[in-house]
């Protein structure tokens, strides 16, 4: 099978079920944002040298992001054969957040994204996640039948990536840098 089909050369692509749509449509835009998020998390994983448990958790997240992309691609067709998110997928992220926060000082002010390169990439992936979430919110306005767990999962994932950035910095003795409002 060749990687190029030439079927998209005129600005169209296919959703699940074969329906042709413009590459600029909202569904493809949302899928692209989720894809970029997945790539950002893949880059984050590539930076992790010593944290196998974190790598494993992030790889599971990457699989969930493919599930989200498939659900977005199926929003018009509702084929029924696409795997779905479950509430426990969101709960797993919440448990991970709670686990990491045990090692962190409570936040009392906004902090700058950065620090260790792993943390900086986690913060960057969080920003991509927020953008993907905004696209899904917009998509749900057009297609209210889109699973609300997708939006909830992305919201919780952005929180997870933020806490992961802080947690990784803290475990490397890199302090949070507080936003200085008067600079």
N, C-alpha and C. Protein backbone atom coordinates (compact mmCIF):
# COMPACT_ATOMS: atom_id res chain seq x y z
N UNK A 1 0.85 -1.18 0.00
CA UNK A 1 0.00 0.00 0.00
C UNK A 1 0.89 1.24 0.00
N UNK A 2 0.65 2.15 -0.90
CA UNK A 2 1.41 3.38 -0.97
C UNK A 2 0.88 4.38 0.05
N UNK A 3 1.79 5.20 0.58
CA UNK A 3 1.40 6.21 1.55
C UNK A 3 0.66 7.36 0.86
N UNK A 4 0.95 7.60 -0.39
CA UNK A 4 0.26 8.67 -1.08
C UNK A 4 -0.81 8.07 -2.00
N UNK A 5 -1.98 8.70 -1.95
CA UNK A 5 -3.10 8.23 -2.78
C UNK A 5 -3.49 9.23 -3.85
N UNK A 6 -3.06 10.47 -3.68
CA UNK A 6 -3.38 11.59 -4.56
C UNK A 6 -4.85 12.00 -4.49
N UNK A 7 -5.64 11.34 -3.63
CA UNK A 7 -7.06 11.69 -3.53
C UNK A 7 -7.27 13.01 -2.79
N UNK A 8 -6.25 13.49 -2.07
CA UNK A 8 -6.38 14.75 -1.35
C UNK A 8 -5.78 15.93 -2.05
N UNK A 9 -5.30 15.72 -3.26
CA UNK A 9 -4.59 16.79 -3.97
C UNK A 9 -5.46 18.00 -4.27
N UNK A 10 -6.75 17.85 -4.25
CA UNK A 10 -7.65 18.97 -4.56
C UNK A 10 -8.31 19.54 -3.30
N UNK A 11 -7.70 19.23 -2.12
CA UNK A 11 -8.19 19.83 -0.89
C UNK A 11 -9.31 19.09 -0.20
N UNK A 12 -9.50 17.84 -0.55
CA UNK A 12 -10.52 17.03 0.12
C UNK A 12 -9.89 15.80 0.72
N UNK A 13 -10.58 15.24 1.69
CA UNK A 13 -10.16 13.99 2.32
C UNK A 13 -11.41 13.23 2.72
N UNK A 14 -11.24 12.05 3.25
CA UNK A 14 -12.39 11.22 3.62
C UNK A 14 -12.46 11.07 5.13
N UNK A 15 -13.67 11.14 5.64
CA UNK A 15 -13.95 10.80 7.03
C UNK A 15 -14.21 9.30 7.10
N UNK A 16 -14.39 8.78 8.30
CA UNK A 16 -14.75 7.37 8.42
C UNK A 16 -16.04 7.12 7.66
N UNK A 17 -16.15 6.01 7.03
CA UNK A 17 -17.32 5.71 6.22
C UNK A 17 -17.18 6.19 4.79
N UNK A 18 -16.10 6.93 4.50
CA UNK A 18 -15.81 7.33 3.14
C UNK A 18 -16.35 8.68 2.70
N UNK A 19 -17.09 9.37 3.54
CA UNK A 19 -17.64 10.66 3.14
C UNK A 19 -16.51 11.64 2.87
N UNK A 20 -16.55 12.28 1.69
CA UNK A 20 -15.53 13.25 1.30
C UNK A 20 -15.88 14.63 1.88
N UNK A 21 -14.88 15.28 2.45
CA UNK A 21 -15.06 16.60 3.03
C UNK A 21 -13.86 17.46 2.67
N UNK A 22 -14.02 18.77 2.78
CA UNK A 22 -12.90 19.69 2.56
C UNK A 22 -11.91 19.54 3.71
N UNK A 23 -10.64 19.65 3.40
CA UNK A 23 -9.62 19.55 4.43
C UNK A 23 -9.69 20.71 5.41
N UNK A 24 -10.43 21.74 5.07
CA UNK A 24 -10.58 22.89 5.95
C UNK A 24 -11.82 22.79 6.84
N UNK A 25 -12.57 21.69 6.76
CA UNK A 25 -13.79 21.58 7.57
C UNK A 25 -13.44 21.43 9.04
N UNK A 26 -14.40 21.71 9.87
CA UNK A 26 -14.19 21.71 11.32
C UNK A 26 -13.73 20.35 11.85
N UNK A 27 -14.28 19.28 11.32
CA UNK A 27 -13.88 17.95 11.79
C UNK A 27 -12.41 17.68 11.52
N UNK A 28 -11.96 18.00 10.31
CA UNK A 28 -10.56 17.77 9.96
C UNK A 28 -9.66 18.70 10.76
N UNK A 29 -10.11 19.92 11.00
CA UNK A 29 -9.34 20.84 11.83
C UNK A 29 -9.17 20.26 13.24
N UNK A 30 -10.25 19.76 13.81
CA UNK A 30 -10.19 19.18 15.17
C UNK A 30 -9.30 17.94 15.18
N UNK A 31 -9.42 17.10 14.17
CA UNK A 31 -8.56 15.91 14.09
C UNK A 31 -7.10 16.33 13.99
N UNK A 32 -6.83 17.37 13.22
CA UNK A 32 -5.46 17.87 13.09
C UNK A 32 -4.90 18.38 14.39
N UNK A 33 -5.73 19.06 15.18
CA UNK A 33 -5.27 19.54 16.49
C UNK A 33 -4.95 18.37 17.42
N UNK A 34 -5.80 17.36 17.40
CA UNK A 34 -5.56 16.17 18.23
C UNK A 34 -4.30 15.45 17.75
N UNK A 35 -4.11 15.40 16.44
CA UNK A 35 -2.91 14.77 15.88
C UNK A 35 -1.65 15.54 16.30
N UNK A 36 -1.72 16.87 16.25
CA UNK A 36 -0.56 17.67 16.69
C UNK A 36 -0.29 17.44 18.17
N UNK A 37 -1.32 17.35 18.97
CA UNK A 37 -1.17 17.05 20.39
C UNK A 37 -0.47 15.71 20.58
N UNK A 38 -0.91 14.72 19.82
CA UNK A 38 -0.31 13.39 19.92
C UNK A 38 1.18 13.44 19.56
N UNK A 39 1.52 14.20 18.53
CA UNK A 39 2.92 14.35 18.15
C UNK A 39 3.71 15.07 19.24
N UNK A 40 3.09 16.07 19.85
CA UNK A 40 3.74 16.79 20.95
C UNK A 40 4.01 15.89 22.13
N UNK A 41 3.07 15.01 22.42
CA UNK A 41 3.28 14.06 23.51
C UNK A 41 4.33 13.04 23.11
N UNK A 42 4.35 12.65 21.84
CA UNK A 42 5.41 11.74 21.37
C UNK A 42 6.79 12.37 21.55
N UNK A 43 6.90 13.67 21.28
CA UNK A 43 8.17 14.36 21.50
C UNK A 43 8.51 14.39 22.99
N UNK A 44 7.51 14.64 23.81
CA UNK A 44 7.71 14.61 25.26
C UNK A 44 8.23 13.25 25.71
N UNK A 45 7.63 12.19 25.22
CA UNK A 45 8.07 10.83 25.57
C UNK A 45 9.52 10.63 25.14
N UNK A 46 9.91 11.16 23.98
CA UNK A 46 11.28 10.97 23.51
C UNK A 46 12.30 11.64 24.41
N UNK A 47 11.88 12.67 25.16
CA UNK A 47 12.78 13.36 26.08
C UNK A 47 12.94 12.62 27.41
N UNK A 48 12.00 11.74 27.73
CA UNK A 48 12.04 11.03 29.01
C UNK A 48 13.09 9.94 28.97
N UNK A 49 14.12 10.10 29.76
CA UNK A 49 15.19 9.12 29.76
C UNK A 49 15.09 8.13 30.91
N UNK A 50 14.45 8.54 32.00
CA UNK A 50 14.55 7.76 33.22
C UNK A 50 13.22 7.49 33.91
N UNK A 51 12.13 7.73 33.25
CA UNK A 51 10.83 7.64 33.91
C UNK A 51 9.91 6.72 33.11
N UNK A 52 10.16 5.42 33.21
CA UNK A 52 9.41 4.45 32.41
C UNK A 52 7.92 4.50 32.72
N UNK A 53 7.55 4.71 33.96
CA UNK A 53 6.14 4.75 34.34
C UNK A 53 5.44 5.92 33.64
N UNK A 54 6.10 7.06 33.58
CA UNK A 54 5.52 8.22 32.90
C UNK A 54 5.40 7.92 31.41
N UNK A 55 6.42 7.32 30.82
CA UNK A 55 6.36 6.95 29.40
C UNK A 55 5.16 6.05 29.13
N UNK A 56 4.98 5.04 29.98
CA UNK A 56 3.87 4.12 29.79
C UNK A 56 2.53 4.83 29.88
N UNK A 57 2.40 5.73 30.84
CA UNK A 57 1.14 6.47 30.98
C UNK A 57 0.89 7.37 29.77
N UNK A 58 1.95 8.02 29.30
CA UNK A 58 1.78 8.90 28.14
C UNK A 58 1.49 8.11 26.87
N UNK A 59 2.05 6.93 26.76
CA UNK A 59 1.73 6.10 25.59
C UNK A 59 0.26 5.70 25.60
N UNK A 60 -0.29 5.41 26.76
CA UNK A 60 -1.72 5.12 26.86
C UNK A 60 -2.53 6.35 26.43
N UNK A 61 -2.09 7.52 26.86
CA UNK A 61 -2.75 8.77 26.44
C UNK A 61 -2.73 8.88 24.92
N UNK A 62 -1.60 8.55 24.30
CA UNK A 62 -1.52 8.62 22.84
C UNK A 62 -2.54 7.70 22.19
N UNK A 63 -2.73 6.52 22.74
CA UNK A 63 -3.76 5.61 22.21
C UNK A 63 -5.15 6.23 22.36
N UNK A 64 -5.40 6.87 23.50
CA UNK A 64 -6.70 7.52 23.71
C UNK A 64 -6.91 8.65 22.70
N UNK A 65 -5.83 9.34 22.35
CA UNK A 65 -5.97 10.42 21.37
C UNK A 65 -6.34 9.89 20.00
N UNK A 66 -5.84 8.70 19.66
CA UNK A 66 -6.29 8.07 18.40
C UNK A 66 -7.78 7.74 18.48
N UNK A 67 -8.23 7.28 19.64
CA UNK A 67 -9.65 7.01 19.83
C UNK A 67 -10.46 8.29 19.64
N UNK A 68 -9.97 9.39 20.20
CA UNK A 68 -10.65 10.67 20.04
C UNK A 68 -10.71 11.06 18.57
N UNK A 69 -9.59 10.95 17.86
CA UNK A 69 -9.57 11.27 16.44
C UNK A 69 -10.57 10.43 15.65
N UNK A 70 -10.64 9.15 15.97
CA UNK A 70 -11.59 8.27 15.28
C UNK A 70 -13.03 8.70 15.55
N UNK A 71 -13.33 9.09 16.78
CA UNK A 71 -14.68 9.54 17.11
C UNK A 71 -15.03 10.83 16.39
N UNK A 72 -14.06 11.72 16.27
CA UNK A 72 -14.31 12.95 15.53
C UNK A 72 -14.55 12.63 14.05
N UNK A 73 -13.76 11.72 13.50
CA UNK A 73 -13.91 11.34 12.09
C UNK A 73 -15.24 10.64 11.83
N UNK A 74 -15.83 10.11 12.88
CA UNK A 74 -17.09 9.37 12.76
C UNK A 74 -18.32 10.21 13.13
N UNK A 75 -18.11 11.48 13.48
CA UNK A 75 -19.21 12.28 14.00
C UNK A 75 -20.38 12.41 13.03
N UNK A 76 -20.11 12.43 11.73
CA UNK A 76 -21.19 12.56 10.76
C UNK A 76 -21.85 11.22 10.43
N UNK A 77 -21.09 10.14 10.52
CA UNK A 77 -21.59 8.84 10.05
C UNK A 77 -22.19 8.00 11.17
N UNK A 78 -21.64 8.11 12.38
CA UNK A 78 -22.10 7.30 13.51
C UNK A 78 -22.12 5.82 13.14
N UNK A 79 -20.97 5.30 12.72
CA UNK A 79 -20.88 3.92 12.25
C UNK A 79 -21.06 2.90 13.36
N UNK A 80 -20.76 3.29 14.59
CA UNK A 80 -20.96 2.38 15.71
C UNK A 80 -19.81 1.43 15.97
N UNK A 81 -18.83 1.36 15.10
CA UNK A 81 -17.73 0.42 15.26
C UNK A 81 -16.47 1.09 15.81
N UNK A 82 -16.57 2.36 16.15
CA UNK A 82 -15.42 3.12 16.63
C UNK A 82 -15.31 2.94 18.15
N UNK A 83 -14.11 2.68 18.67
CA UNK A 83 -13.97 2.57 20.13
C UNK A 83 -14.35 3.89 20.80
N UNK A 84 -14.86 3.81 21.99
CA UNK A 84 -15.33 4.99 22.71
C UNK A 84 -14.49 5.22 23.96
N UNK A 85 -14.45 6.47 24.39
CA UNK A 85 -13.88 6.77 25.69
C UNK A 85 -14.86 6.34 26.76
N UNK A 86 -14.33 6.03 27.91
CA UNK A 86 -15.14 5.68 29.07
C UNK A 86 -14.80 6.66 30.19
N UNK A 87 -15.70 6.84 31.13
CA UNK A 87 -15.46 7.77 32.23
C UNK A 87 -14.20 7.41 33.01
N UNK A 88 -13.87 6.13 33.08
CA UNK A 88 -12.67 5.75 33.83
C UNK A 88 -11.40 6.26 33.16
N UNK A 89 -11.44 6.54 31.86
CA UNK A 89 -10.27 7.13 31.20
C UNK A 89 -9.98 8.52 31.77
N UNK A 90 -11.02 9.27 32.02
CA UNK A 90 -10.88 10.59 32.65
C UNK A 90 -10.42 10.42 34.09
N UNK A 91 -10.98 9.44 34.80
CA UNK A 91 -10.62 9.21 36.19
C UNK A 91 -9.16 8.80 36.34
N UNK A 92 -8.63 8.07 35.38
CA UNK A 92 -7.21 7.68 35.42
C UNK A 92 -6.34 8.94 35.39
N UNK A 93 -6.71 9.91 34.56
CA UNK A 93 -5.95 11.16 34.52
C UNK A 93 -6.05 11.90 35.86
N UNK A 94 -7.25 11.92 36.44
CA UNK A 94 -7.43 12.59 37.73
C UNK A 94 -6.58 11.93 38.81
N UNK A 95 -6.54 10.61 38.81
CA UNK A 95 -5.72 9.89 39.79
C UNK A 95 -4.24 10.20 39.60
N UNK A 96 -3.80 10.30 38.36
CA UNK A 96 -2.41 10.62 38.08
C UNK A 96 -2.08 12.04 38.56
N UNK A 97 -3.00 12.97 38.31
CA UNK A 97 -2.82 14.34 38.80
C UNK A 97 -2.68 14.34 40.32
N UNK A 98 -3.61 13.66 41.00
CA UNK A 98 -3.59 13.61 42.46
C UNK A 98 -2.28 13.02 42.98
N UNK A 99 -1.82 11.98 42.32
CA UNK A 99 -0.57 11.32 42.71
C UNK A 99 0.63 12.28 42.58
N UNK A 100 0.70 13.00 41.47
CA UNK A 100 1.82 13.93 41.27
C UNK A 100 1.73 15.12 42.21
N UNK A 101 0.51 15.59 42.48
CA UNK A 101 0.36 16.77 43.33
C UNK A 101 0.80 16.52 44.77
N UNK A 102 0.84 15.27 45.19
CA UNK A 102 1.33 14.95 46.54
C UNK A 102 2.77 15.41 46.72
N UNK A 103 3.53 15.47 45.62
CA UNK A 103 4.94 15.85 45.67
C UNK A 103 5.16 17.34 45.43
N UNK A 104 4.09 18.11 45.25
CA UNK A 104 4.21 19.52 44.85
C UNK A 104 3.69 20.46 45.92
N UNK A 105 4.29 21.63 45.98
CA UNK A 105 3.75 22.71 46.80
C UNK A 105 2.51 23.26 46.10
N UNK A 106 1.50 23.64 46.85
CA UNK A 106 0.31 24.22 46.21
C UNK A 106 0.68 25.50 45.46
N UNK A 107 0.02 25.71 44.35
CA UNK A 107 0.24 26.94 43.58
C UNK A 107 -0.50 28.09 44.24
N UNK A 108 0.17 29.22 44.34
CA UNK A 108 -0.46 30.42 44.87
C UNK A 108 -0.46 31.55 43.86
N UNK A 109 0.20 31.31 42.71
CA UNK A 109 0.26 32.31 41.66
C UNK A 109 0.53 31.63 40.32
N UNK A 110 0.39 32.37 39.25
CA UNK A 110 0.69 31.82 37.94
C UNK A 110 2.19 31.61 37.81
N UNK A 111 2.56 30.57 37.07
CA UNK A 111 3.98 30.29 36.84
C UNK A 111 4.26 30.30 35.35
N UNK A 112 5.53 30.55 35.03
CA UNK A 112 5.96 30.53 33.64
C UNK A 112 6.18 29.09 33.19
N UNK A 113 5.78 28.75 31.97
CA UNK A 113 6.08 27.41 31.45
C UNK A 113 7.56 27.32 31.13
N UNK A 114 8.19 26.24 31.49
CA UNK A 114 9.60 26.07 31.18
C UNK A 114 10.29 25.17 32.18
N UNK A 115 11.56 25.44 32.40
CA UNK A 115 12.36 24.62 33.30
C UNK A 115 13.12 23.57 32.52
N UNK A 116 13.11 22.37 33.04
CA UNK A 116 13.75 21.24 32.36
C UNK A 116 13.09 21.04 31.00
N UNK A 117 13.83 20.52 30.03
CA UNK A 117 13.25 20.38 28.68
C UNK A 117 12.05 19.46 28.67
N UNK A 118 12.01 18.46 29.54
CA UNK A 118 10.83 17.59 29.63
C UNK A 118 9.63 18.41 30.10
N UNK A 119 9.86 19.23 31.12
CA UNK A 119 8.77 20.07 31.64
C UNK A 119 8.32 21.08 30.59
N UNK A 120 9.27 21.69 29.92
CA UNK A 120 8.93 22.67 28.89
C UNK A 120 8.07 22.02 27.80
N UNK A 121 8.40 20.79 27.42
CA UNK A 121 7.61 20.09 26.40
C UNK A 121 6.25 19.71 26.94
N UNK A 122 6.17 19.36 28.22
CA UNK A 122 4.86 19.07 28.82
C UNK A 122 3.98 20.32 28.80
N UNK A 123 4.56 21.47 29.13
CA UNK A 123 3.80 22.72 29.09
C UNK A 123 3.39 23.06 27.66
N UNK A 124 4.27 22.80 26.71
CA UNK A 124 3.95 23.07 25.30
C UNK A 124 2.82 22.14 24.83
N UNK A 125 2.90 20.88 25.19
CA UNK A 125 1.83 19.92 24.83
C UNK A 125 0.51 20.36 25.47
N UNK A 126 0.57 20.92 26.66
CA UNK A 126 -0.63 21.42 27.33
C UNK A 126 -1.27 22.53 26.49
N UNK A 127 -0.46 23.43 25.95
CA UNK A 127 -1.00 24.51 25.13
C UNK A 127 -1.67 23.95 23.87
N UNK A 128 -1.06 22.95 23.27
CA UNK A 128 -1.66 22.29 22.10
C UNK A 128 -2.97 21.62 22.50
N UNK A 129 -2.97 21.00 23.68
CA UNK A 129 -4.17 20.31 24.17
C UNK A 129 -5.32 21.30 24.35
N UNK A 130 -5.02 22.47 24.90
CA UNK A 130 -6.06 23.49 25.07
C UNK A 130 -6.64 23.91 23.72
N UNK A 131 -5.78 24.02 22.71
CA UNK A 131 -6.26 24.39 21.37
C UNK A 131 -7.15 23.28 20.81
N UNK A 132 -6.73 22.03 20.98
CA UNK A 132 -7.55 20.90 20.53
C UNK A 132 -8.90 20.90 21.25
N UNK A 133 -8.86 21.19 22.53
CA UNK A 133 -10.11 21.24 23.30
C UNK A 133 -11.04 22.33 22.77
N UNK A 134 -10.48 23.48 22.42
CA UNK A 134 -11.32 24.56 21.87
C UNK A 134 -11.98 24.13 20.57
N UNK A 135 -11.24 23.40 19.73
CA UNK A 135 -11.83 22.91 18.47
C UNK A 135 -12.94 21.91 18.75
N UNK A 136 -12.75 21.06 19.74
CA UNK A 136 -13.79 20.08 20.07
C UNK A 136 -15.02 20.78 20.63
N UNK A 137 -14.83 21.82 21.43
CA UNK A 137 -15.98 22.59 21.92
C UNK A 137 -16.75 23.16 20.73
N UNK A 138 -16.03 23.72 19.79
CA UNK A 138 -16.66 24.28 18.59
C UNK A 138 -17.36 23.18 17.79
N UNK A 139 -16.73 22.03 17.66
CA UNK A 139 -17.32 20.92 16.92
C UNK A 139 -18.60 20.42 17.59
N UNK A 140 -18.60 20.38 18.92
CA UNK A 140 -19.80 19.93 19.65
C UNK A 140 -20.96 20.90 19.47
N UNK A 141 -20.67 22.17 19.20
CA UNK A 141 -21.74 23.13 18.92
C UNK A 141 -22.43 22.79 17.61
N UNK A 142 -21.67 22.26 16.65
CA UNK A 142 -22.23 21.87 15.35
C UNK A 142 -22.81 20.47 15.41
N UNK A 143 -22.15 19.57 16.15
CA UNK A 143 -22.57 18.17 16.27
C UNK A 143 -22.73 17.82 17.73
N UNK A 144 -23.89 18.16 18.31
CA UNK A 144 -24.09 17.90 19.74
C UNK A 144 -24.01 16.41 20.12
N UNK A 145 -24.10 15.54 19.12
CA UNK A 145 -24.00 14.11 19.39
C UNK A 145 -22.58 13.62 19.64
N UNK A 146 -21.59 14.49 19.42
CA UNK A 146 -20.22 14.11 19.70
C UNK A 146 -20.08 13.84 21.20
N UNK A 147 -19.47 12.74 21.52
CA UNK A 147 -19.34 12.30 22.91
C UNK A 147 -18.75 13.40 23.79
N UNK A 148 -19.48 13.83 24.83
CA UNK A 148 -18.96 14.88 25.72
C UNK A 148 -17.72 14.45 26.50
N UNK A 149 -17.48 13.16 26.60
CA UNK A 149 -16.28 12.69 27.29
C UNK A 149 -15.00 13.10 26.56
N UNK A 150 -15.10 13.33 25.26
CA UNK A 150 -13.94 13.78 24.49
C UNK A 150 -13.48 15.14 25.02
N UNK A 151 -14.42 16.05 25.15
CA UNK A 151 -14.11 17.38 25.67
C UNK A 151 -13.59 17.28 27.10
N UNK A 152 -14.23 16.46 27.91
CA UNK A 152 -13.82 16.30 29.30
C UNK A 152 -12.42 15.70 29.39
N UNK A 153 -12.15 14.70 28.55
CA UNK A 153 -10.83 14.06 28.56
C UNK A 153 -9.74 15.07 28.20
N UNK A 154 -9.97 15.85 27.16
CA UNK A 154 -8.97 16.84 26.75
C UNK A 154 -8.75 17.90 27.83
N UNK A 155 -9.84 18.30 28.49
CA UNK A 155 -9.72 19.26 29.58
C UNK A 155 -8.85 18.69 30.71
N UNK A 156 -9.11 17.47 31.08
CA UNK A 156 -8.33 16.84 32.14
C UNK A 156 -6.90 16.55 31.70
N UNK A 157 -6.72 16.22 30.42
CA UNK A 157 -5.38 15.97 29.92
C UNK A 157 -4.53 17.24 29.98
N UNK A 158 -5.12 18.38 29.67
CA UNK A 158 -4.35 19.61 29.76
C UNK A 158 -3.91 19.87 31.21
N UNK A 159 -4.79 19.58 32.16
CA UNK A 159 -4.41 19.69 33.57
C UNK A 159 -3.29 18.72 33.91
N UNK A 160 -3.38 17.51 33.38
CA UNK A 160 -2.37 16.49 33.63
C UNK A 160 -1.01 16.93 33.11
N UNK A 161 -0.99 17.47 31.91
CA UNK A 161 0.28 17.91 31.32
C UNK A 161 0.88 19.08 32.09
N UNK A 162 0.04 19.97 32.58
CA UNK A 162 0.52 21.07 33.41
C UNK A 162 1.16 20.55 34.69
N UNK A 163 0.45 19.68 35.38
CA UNK A 163 0.97 19.13 36.64
C UNK A 163 2.21 18.29 36.36
N UNK A 164 2.24 17.55 35.26
CA UNK A 164 3.42 16.78 34.90
C UNK A 164 4.63 17.69 34.73
N UNK A 165 4.44 18.83 34.07
CA UNK A 165 5.54 19.78 33.91
C UNK A 165 6.07 20.25 35.25
N UNK A 166 5.17 20.60 36.15
CA UNK A 166 5.58 21.03 37.50
C UNK A 166 6.25 19.89 38.25
N UNK A 167 5.66 18.70 38.16
CA UNK A 167 6.17 17.54 38.89
C UNK A 167 7.58 17.18 38.42
N UNK A 168 7.78 17.18 37.11
CA UNK A 168 9.10 16.83 36.59
C UNK A 168 10.13 17.85 37.03
N UNK A 169 9.78 19.13 36.97
CA UNK A 169 10.69 20.17 37.45
C UNK A 169 11.01 19.96 38.93
N UNK A 170 10.00 19.73 39.73
CA UNK A 170 10.21 19.56 41.17
C UNK A 170 11.12 18.37 41.47
N UNK A 171 10.96 17.29 40.70
CA UNK A 171 11.78 16.11 40.92
C UNK A 171 13.21 16.29 40.42
N UNK A 172 13.47 17.36 39.72
CA UNK A 172 14.83 17.68 39.26
C UNK A 172 15.35 18.93 39.97
N UNK A 173 14.64 19.33 41.03
CA UNK A 173 15.00 20.52 41.81
C UNK A 173 15.05 21.80 40.98
N UNK A 174 14.16 21.89 40.01
CA UNK A 174 14.01 23.10 39.21
C UNK A 174 12.78 23.83 39.75
N UNK A 175 12.97 25.00 40.34
CA UNK A 175 11.83 25.69 40.96
C UNK A 175 10.87 26.28 39.92
N UNK A 176 9.60 26.39 40.33
CA UNK A 176 8.63 27.14 39.52
C UNK A 176 9.09 28.58 39.45
N UNK A 177 8.86 29.23 38.31
CA UNK A 177 9.17 30.65 38.17
C UNK A 177 7.84 31.39 38.17
N UNK A 178 7.63 32.18 39.21
CA UNK A 178 6.37 32.91 39.34
C UNK A 178 6.30 34.05 38.34
N UNK A 179 5.11 34.25 37.83
CA UNK A 179 4.85 35.40 36.95
C UNK A 179 5.03 36.68 37.74
N UNK A 180 5.87 37.55 37.26
CA UNK A 180 6.08 38.85 37.89
C UNK A 180 5.23 39.87 37.15
N UNK A 181 4.16 40.27 37.77
CA UNK A 181 3.16 41.10 37.12
C UNK A 181 3.66 42.49 36.77
N UNK A 182 4.66 42.98 37.47
CA UNK A 182 5.08 44.36 37.28
C UNK A 182 6.33 44.51 36.42
N UNK A 183 6.72 43.47 35.70
CA UNK A 183 7.90 43.59 34.84
C UNK A 183 7.57 44.30 33.55
